[in-house]
Amino acid sequence: MTQTAARLTTGDRAPAFALPDSEGATHTLDSFAGRKTVLYFYPAASTPACTQQACDFNDTLGSLAAAGYRVVGLSPDAPEKLKAFARNQDLGFTLLADEDHAVALAYGAWGEKKNYGRTYEGLIRSTIVVDEHGVVELAQYNVRAKGHVAKLHRDLGLASA
């Protein structure tokens, strides 16, 4: 049975969550209140496309922070795998483990995917920007890993990444 949640749109209240990070500390949506947050959902740490996307975010942390945004990556990986990924890529932002994909489902980032003629359930590469009050500012689904961060900067009206 395919689980698919409705996709979020601008103005929706972001669903609450509590997830462990790569160090085992728990983060909630409320813990990010007061600052705009880029929540990006990616399928698997240490794969080529996910590494490219993570490094692109990492390379633009300064410009995002200057504009008032923090970056948080979410994947179905275990905290230990996220810790190794963050260490190996020298990532300067939080990675959260959504092992049962409940948060991805709540955010509309989990559902039916098709690849090489095969249909299966999985994480849909997505980016949700949540404002400082927990309201969705921007929701993008089925994004491409390569070039996404630069496009996100344009979409948010920020200087080139």
C-alpha atoms as a PDB file:
ATOM      1  CA  MET A   1       0.000   0.000   0.000  1.00  0.00           C
ATOM      2  CA  THR A   2       1.443   3.342  -1.038  1.00  0.00           C
ATOM      3  CA  GLN A   3       1.540   6.040   1.610  1.00  0.00           C
ATOM      4  CA  THR A   4       1.380   9.533   0.198  1.00  0.00           C
ATOM      5  CA  ALA A   5       0.520  12.673   2.106  1.00  0.00           C
ATOM      6  CA  ALA A   6      -0.776  15.848   0.571  1.00  0.00           C
ATOM      7  CA  ARG A   7       1.942  18.225  -0.466  1.00  0.00           C
ATOM      8  CA  LEU A   8       2.391  21.409   1.490  1.00  0.00           C
ATOM      9  CA  THR A   9       1.849  24.811  -0.094  1.00  0.00           C
ATOM     10  CA  THR A  10       2.720  28.368   0.846  1.00  0.00           C
ATOM     11  CA  GLY A  11       0.779  29.458   3.921  1.00  0.00           C
ATOM     12  CA  ASP A  12       0.295  25.959   5.376  1.00  0.00           C
ATOM     13  CA  ARG A  13       1.306  25.344   8.984  1.00  0.00           C
ATOM     14  CA  ALA A  14       4.438  23.160   8.953  1.00  0.00           C
ATOM     15  CA  PRO A  15       3.816  19.799  10.671  1.00  0.00           C
ATOM     16  CA  ALA A  16       5.430  19.390  14.089  1.00  0.00           C
ATOM     17  CA  PHE A  17       8.195  16.829  14.499  1.00  0.00           C
ATOM     18  CA  ALA A  18      10.845  15.541  16.889  1.00  0.00           C
ATOM     19  CA  LEU A  19      13.867  13.822  15.314  1.00  0.00           C
ATOM     20  CA  PRO A  20      17.401  12.895  16.383  1.00  0.00           C
ATOM     21  CA  ASP A  21      20.373  14.547  14.749  1.00  0.00           C
ATOM     22  CA  SER A  22      23.692  12.960  13.798  1.00  0.00           C
ATOM     23  CA  GLU A  23      24.881  13.339  17.407  1.00  0.00           C
ATOM     24  CA  GLY A  24      21.710  11.885  18.972  1.00  0.00           C
ATOM     25  CA  ALA A  25      20.235  15.184  20.207  1.00  0.00           C
ATOM     26  CA  THR A  26      16.521  15.651  19.506  1.00  0.00           C
ATOM     27  CA  HIS A  27      15.309  18.598  17.445  1.00  0.00           C
ATOM     28  CA  THR A  28      11.724  19.753  17.073  1.00  0.00           C
ATOM     29  CA  LEU A  29      10.107  22.181  14.674  1.00  0.00           C
ATOM     30  CA  ASP A  30       9.636  24.489  17.667  1.00  0.00           C
ATOM     31  CA  SER A  31      13.385  24.410  18.342  1.00  0.00           C
ATOM     32  CA  PHE A  32      13.833  26.203  15.003  1.00  0.00           C
ATOM     33  CA  ALA A  33      11.261  28.920  15.792  1.00  0.00           C
ATOM     34  CA  GLY A  34      12.401  32.512  15.445  1.00  0.00           C
ATOM     35  CA  ARG A  35      14.473  31.912  12.308  1.00  0.00           C
ATOM     36  CA  LYS A  36      13.591  30.859   8.785  1.00  0.00           C
ATOM     37  CA  THR A  37      14.545  27.239   8.142  1.00  0.00           C
ATOM     38  CA  VAL A  38      15.278  25.406   4.909  1.00  0.00           C
ATOM     39  CA  LEU A  39      14.223  21.783   5.469  1.00  0.00           C
ATOM     40  CA  TYR A  40      15.532  19.677   2.635  1.00  0.00           C
ATOM     41  CA  PHE A  41      14.625  16.020   2.269  1.00  0.00           C
ATOM     42  CA  TYR A  42      17.135  13.755   0.529  1.00  0.00           C
ATOM     43  CA  PRO A  43      17.031   9.978  -0.085  1.00  0.00           C
ATOM     44  CA  ALA A  44      20.371   8.679   1.224  1.00  0.00           C
ATOM     45  CA  ALA A  45      23.537  10.077   2.766  1.00  0.00           C
ATOM     46  CA  SER A  46      26.829   9.515   0.946  1.00  0.00           C
ATOM     47  CA  THR A  47      25.294   8.823  -2.463  1.00  0.00           C
ATOM     48  CA  PRO A  48      26.603  10.965  -5.342  1.00  0.00           C
ATOM     49  CA  ALA A  49      23.507  13.154  -5.878  1.00  0.00           C
ATOM     50  CA  CYS A  50      22.837  13.621  -2.152  1.00  0.00           C
ATOM     51  CA  THR A  51      26.486  14.484  -1.541  1.00  0.00           C
ATOM     52  CA  GLN A  52      26.383  17.056  -4.354  1.00  0.00           C
ATOM     53  CA  GLN A  53      23.263  18.663  -2.894  1.00  0.00           C
ATOM     54  CA  ALA A  54      24.627  18.684   0.665  1.00  0.00           C
ATOM     55  CA  CYS A  55      27.908  20.245  -0.481  1.00  0.00           C
ATOM     56  CA  ASP A  56      26.006  22.877  -2.477  1.00  0.00           C
ATOM     57  CA  PHE A  57      24.037  23.808   0.650  1.00  0.00           C
ATOM     58  CA  ASN A  58      27.233  23.804   2.703  1.00  0.00           C
ATOM     59  CA  ASP A  59      28.985  26.089   0.207  1.00  0.00           C
ATOM     60  CA  THR A  60      26.166  28.650   0.485  1.00  0.00           C
ATOM     61  CA  LEU A  61      25.574  28.565   4.249  1.00  0.00           C
ATOM     62  CA  GLY A  62      27.026  32.042   4.629  1.00  0.00           C
ATOM     63  CA  SER A  63      24.673  33.677   2.143  1.00  0.00           C
ATOM     64  CA  LEU A  64      21.675  31.793   3.509  1.00  0.00           C
ATOM     65  CA  ALA A  65      22.568  32.725   7.095  1.00  0.00           C
ATOM     66  CA  ALA A  66      23.065  36.369   6.074  1.00  0.00           C
ATOM     67  CA  ALA A  67      19.513  36.321   4.702  1.00  0.00           C
ATOM     68  CA  GLY A  68      18.216  34.810   7.970  1.00  0.00           C
ATOM     69  CA  TYR A  69      17.956  31.135   6.955  1.00  0.00           C
ATOM     70  CA  ARG A  70      19.310  28.013   8.636  1.00  0.00           C
ATOM     71  CA  VAL A  71      19.633  24.711   6.713  1.00  0.00           C
ATOM     72  CA  VAL A  72      18.481  21.325   8.017  1.00  0.00           C
ATOM     73  CA  GLY A  73      18.777  18.104   6.006  1.00  0.00           C
ATOM     74  CA  LEU A  74      16.411  15.168   6.640  1.00  0.00           C
ATOM     75  CA  SER A  75      16.806  11.615   5.384  1.00  0.00           C
ATOM     76  CA  PRO A  76      15.686   8.101   6.333  1.00  0.00           C
ATOM     77  CA  ASP A  77      19.267   7.288   7.376  1.00  0.00           C
ATOM     78  CA  ALA A  78      20.255   6.299  10.907  1.00  0.00           C
ATOM     79  CA  PRO A  79      22.040   8.936  13.058  1.00  0.00           C
ATOM     80  CA  GLU A  80      25.334   7.007  12.800  1.00  0.00           C
ATOM     81  CA  LYS A  81      25.281   7.186   8.994  1.00  0.00           C
ATOM     82  CA  LEU A  82      24.454  10.902   9.148  1.00  0.00           C
ATOM     83  CA  LYS A  83      27.350  11.480  11.539  1.00  0.00           C
ATOM     84  CA  ALA A  84      29.798   9.833   9.124  1.00  0.00           C
ATOM     85  CA  PHE A  85      28.312  11.777   6.187  1.00  0.00           C
ATOM     86  CA  ALA A  86      28.588  15.109   8.006  1.00  0.00           C
ATOM     87  CA  ARG A  87      32.161  14.344   9.086  1.00  0.00           C
ATOM     88  CA  ASN A  88      33.297  13.103   5.660  1.00  0.00           C
ATOM     89  CA  GLN A  89      31.856  16.150   3.860  1.00  0.00           C
ATOM     90  CA  ASP A  90      32.650  18.644   6.652  1.00  0.00           C
ATOM     91  CA  LEU A  91      29.021  19.787   6.714  1.00  0.00           C
ATOM     92  CA  GLY A  92      28.205  22.808   8.835  1.00  0.00           C
ATOM     93  CA  PHE A  93      24.475  22.255   9.244  1.00  0.00           C
ATOM     94  CA  THR A  94      22.146  19.901  11.091  1.00  0.00           C
ATOM     95  CA  LEU A  95      21.197  16.509   9.658  1.00  0.00           C
ATOM     96  CA  LEU A  96      18.122  14.765  11.081  1.00  0.00           C
ATOM     97  CA  ALA A  97      17.307  11.051  10.990  1.00  0.00           C
ATOM     98  CA  ASP A  98      13.745  10.313   9.846  1.00  0.00           C
ATOM     99  CA  GLU A  99      14.200   6.547   9.904  1.00  0.00           C
ATOM    100  CA  ASP A 100      10.504   5.650   9.784  1.00  0.00           C
ATOM    101  CA  HIS A 101       9.914   8.441   7.190  1.00  0.00           C
ATOM    102  CA  ALA A 102       6.969   9.764   9.234  1.00  0.00           C
ATOM    103  CA  VAL A 103       8.149  13.366   8.931  1.00  0.00           C
ATOM    104  CA  ALA A 104       8.779  13.010   5.190  1.00  0.00           C
ATOM    105  CA  LEU A 105       5.256  11.626   4.871  1.00  0.00           C
ATOM    106  CA  ALA A 106       3.789  14.515   6.894  1.00  0.00           C
ATOM    107  CA  TYR A 107       5.626  17.009   4.678  1.00  0.00           C
ATOM    108  CA  GLY A 108       4.519  15.315   1.428  1.00  0.00           C
ATOM    109  CA  ALA A 109       8.073  14.179   0.686  1.00  0.00           C
ATOM    110  CA  TRP A 110       7.348  10.441   0.791  1.00  0.00           C
ATOM    111  CA  GLY A 111       5.363   8.582  -1.817  1.00  0.00           C
ATOM    112  CA  GLU A 112       5.282   6.749  -5.089  1.00  0.00           C
ATOM    113  CA  LYS A 113       8.343   7.025  -7.279  1.00  0.00           C
ATOM    114  CA  LYS A 114       9.164   5.622 -10.690  1.00  0.00           C
ATOM    115  CA  ASN A 115      12.627   4.718 -11.869  1.00  0.00           C
ATOM    116  CA  TYR A 116      13.571   2.690 -14.937  1.00  0.00           C
ATOM    117  CA  GLY A 117      10.013   1.413 -15.298  1.00  0.00           C
ATOM    118  CA  ARG A 118       9.789   0.287 -11.687  1.00  0.00           C
ATOM    119  CA  THR A 119       7.282   1.836  -9.275  1.00  0.00           C
ATOM    120  CA  TYR A 120       8.117   1.908  -5.583  1.00  0.00           C
ATOM    121  CA  GLU A 121       7.636   3.947  -2.431  1.00  0.00           C
ATOM    122  CA  GLY A 122      10.412   6.262  -1.350  1.00  0.00           C
ATOM    123  CA  LEU A 123      11.638   9.682  -0.417  1.00  0.00           C
ATOM    124  CA  ILE A 124      10.853  12.431  -2.915  1.00  0.00           C
ATOM    125  CA  ARG A 125      13.707  14.938  -2.999  1.00  0.00           C
ATOM    126  CA  SER A 126      12.007  18.079  -1.676  1.00  0.00           C
ATOM    127  CA  THR A 127      12.730  21.411  -0.036  1.00  0.00           C
ATOM    128  CA  ILE A 128      10.346  23.140   2.354  1.00  0.00           C
ATOM    129  CA  VAL A 129      11.175  26.631   3.604  1.00  0.00           C
ATOM    130  CA  VAL A 130       9.491  27.377   6.922  1.00  0.00           C
ATOM    131  CA  ASP A 131       9.301  30.928   8.256  1.00  0.00           C
ATOM    132  CA  GLU A 132      10.141  31.962  11.808  1.00  0.00           C
ATOM    133  CA  HIS A 133       6.524  31.307  12.884  1.00  0.00           C
ATOM    134  CA  GLY A 134       6.300  27.733  11.541  1.00  0.00           C
ATOM    135  CA  VAL A 135       4.434  28.617   8.340  1.00  0.00           C
ATOM    136  CA  VAL A 136       5.487  27.266   4.930  1.00  0.00           C
ATOM    137  CA  GLU A 137       7.088  30.037   2.883  1.00  0.00           C
ATOM    138  CA  LEU A 138       8.002  27.831  -0.094  1.00  0.00           C
ATOM    139  CA  ALA A 139       7.506  24.151  -0.963  1.00  0.00           C
ATOM    140  CA  GLN A 140       9.363  22.468  -3.824  1.00  0.00           C
ATOM    141  CA  TYR A 141       8.969  18.781  -4.719  1.00  0.00           C
ATOM    142  CA  ASN A 142      10.807  16.469  -7.116  1.00  0.00           C
ATOM    143  CA  VAL A 143      13.779  18.809  -7.171  1.00  0.00           C
ATOM    144  CA  ARG A 144      17.008  17.871  -8.871  1.00  0.00           C
ATOM    145  CA  ALA A 145      20.080  17.579  -6.671  1.00  0.00           C
ATOM    146  CA  LYS A 146      22.358  19.395  -9.110  1.00  0.00           C
ATOM    147  CA  GLY A 147      21.558  23.079  -9.432  1.00  0.00           C
ATOM    148  CA  HIS A 148      18.782  23.056  -6.846  1.00  0.00           C
ATOM    149  CA  VAL A 149      20.522  25.259  -4.298  1.00  0.00           C
ATOM    150  CA  ALA A 150      21.208  27.967  -6.904  1.00  0.00           C
ATOM    151  CA  LYS A 151      17.570  27.782  -8.021  1.00  0.00           C
ATOM    152  CA  LEU A 152      16.423  28.010  -4.399  1.00  0.00           C
ATOM    153  CA  HIS A 153      18.492  31.177  -3.962  1.00  0.00           C
ATOM    154  CA  ARG A 154      16.801  32.687  -7.027  1.00  0.00           C
ATOM    155  CA  ASP A 155      13.352  31.608  -5.828  1.00  0.00           C
ATOM    156  CA  LEU A 156      13.964  33.209  -2.425  1.00  0.00           C
ATOM    157  CA  GLY A 157      15.213  36.413  -4.071  1.00  0.00           C
ATOM    158  CA  LEU A 158      18.719  35.989  -2.661  1.00  0.00           C
ATOM    159  CA  ALA A 159      22.009  36.903  -4.318  1.00  0.00           C
ATOM    160  CA  SER A 160      23.538  34.242  -6.544  1.00  0.00           C
ATOM    161  CA  ALA A 161      24.845  31.225  -4.726  1.00  0.00           C
END
